[in-house]
Amino acid sequence: MGMSIASPPREIVPRVRDAILQAIPGAEVEVKANGSHFEIRVRSATFEGMRTLHRQRLVLSAIKHLMEGDNPPVHAIDVLETTP
């Protein structure tokens, strides 16, 4: 069994941020990393009238590709705040 090395958080943070901005243009996005665990805060007018679960699903679907596979760069989202 080979061991693969995960990308350092400083390389992943901009990828997470860019993926969210691509899905939600104009959003204010804050991403912090502690290893492969992340805190994400997103503020966007797009969220107006949406329930919290729908807002969170929108953000998570934007970064889904970073959470898939055997050794994903994003292992866990410890904080996910979404506000209009």
Protein backbone atom coordinates (compact mmCIF):
# COMPACT_ATOMS: atom_id res chain seq x y z
CA MET A 1 0.00 0.00 0.00
CA GLY A 2 1.36 3.40 -1.01
CA MET A 3 1.04 6.42 1.13
CA SER A 4 0.07 9.69 -0.47
CA ILE A 5 0.87 13.04 1.02
CA ALA A 6 -1.99 15.54 1.31
CA SER A 7 -1.54 19.06 0.00
CA PRO A 8 -0.71 21.62 2.68
CA PRO A 9 -3.65 23.77 3.84
CA ARG A 10 -2.10 26.93 2.37
CA GLU A 11 -2.54 25.37 -1.08
CA ILE A 12 -6.05 24.09 -0.43
CA VAL A 13 -7.56 27.25 1.12
CA PRO A 14 -7.50 29.21 -2.18
CA ARG A 15 -8.93 26.21 -4.05
CA VAL A 16 -11.84 26.01 -1.59
CA ARG A 17 -12.40 29.76 -1.79
CA ASP A 18 -12.25 29.82 -5.61
CA ALA A 19 -14.67 26.89 -5.93
CA ILE A 20 -17.20 28.65 -3.70
CA LEU A 21 -16.82 31.93 -5.60
CA GLN A 22 -17.34 30.12 -8.88
CA ALA A 23 -20.64 28.71 -7.57
CA ILE A 24 -21.67 31.91 -5.75
CA PRO A 25 -20.17 34.90 -7.60
CA GLY A 26 -19.74 38.03 -5.52
CA ALA A 27 -19.90 36.20 -2.19
CA GLU A 28 -17.71 37.17 0.75
CA VAL A 29 -15.82 33.98 1.53
CA GLU A 30 -13.57 33.28 4.52
CA VAL A 31 -11.75 29.94 4.70
CA LYS A 32 -9.48 28.81 7.53
CA ALA A 33 -7.69 25.48 7.72
CA ASN A 34 -6.26 23.35 10.51
CA GLY A 35 -4.70 20.41 8.71
CA SER A 36 -7.46 18.90 6.59
CA HIS A 37 -10.21 20.39 8.79
CA PHE A 38 -11.78 23.65 7.62
CA GLU A 39 -13.90 26.56 8.80
CA ILE A 40 -15.90 28.22 6.07
CA ARG A 41 -17.96 31.41 6.34
CA VAL A 42 -19.91 32.67 3.35
CA ARG A 43 -22.03 35.82 3.09
CA SER A 44 -24.03 36.38 -0.08
CA ALA A 45 -27.22 38.07 -1.26
CA THR A 46 -27.82 34.80 -3.15
CA PHE A 47 -28.83 33.31 0.20
CA GLU A 48 -31.76 35.74 0.67
CA GLY A 49 -34.92 33.74 1.36
CA MET A 50 -33.08 30.38 1.50
CA ARG A 51 -33.25 28.08 4.47
CA THR A 52 -29.97 27.33 6.24
CA LEU A 53 -29.84 23.75 4.93
CA HIS A 54 -30.23 24.91 1.32
CA ARG A 55 -27.48 27.53 1.76
CA GLN A 56 -25.13 24.94 3.26
CA ARG A 57 -25.88 22.44 0.49
CA LEU A 58 -25.04 25.08 -2.10
CA VAL A 59 -21.63 25.69 -0.51
CA LEU A 60 -20.90 21.99 0.02
CA SER A 61 -21.82 21.14 -3.57
CA ALA A 62 -19.29 23.74 -4.73
CA ILE A 63 -16.44 21.99 -2.89
CA LYS A 64 -17.66 18.41 -3.26
CA HIS A 65 -14.81 17.57 -5.65
CA LEU A 66 -12.31 18.51 -2.91
CA MET A 67 -13.92 16.08 -0.45
CA GLU A 68 -14.00 12.97 -2.65
CA GLY A 69 -11.58 10.10 -3.08
CA ASP A 70 -9.35 8.07 -0.80
CA ASN A 71 -7.21 10.97 0.41
CA PRO A 72 -9.23 14.16 -0.14
CA PRO A 73 -7.58 17.52 0.58
CA VAL A 74 -10.68 18.54 2.56
CA HIS A 75 -11.41 15.93 5.21
CA ALA A 76 -13.95 17.79 7.35
CA ILE A 77 -15.82 21.05 7.61
CA ASP A 78 -15.86 21.87 11.33
CA VAL A 79 -17.67 25.19 10.88
CA LEU A 80 -19.95 26.20 8.01
CA GLU A 81 -21.67 29.54 8.41
CA THR A 82 -23.84 30.94 5.62
CA THR A 83 -25.54 34.32 5.93
CA PRO A 84 -27.43 36.53 3.49
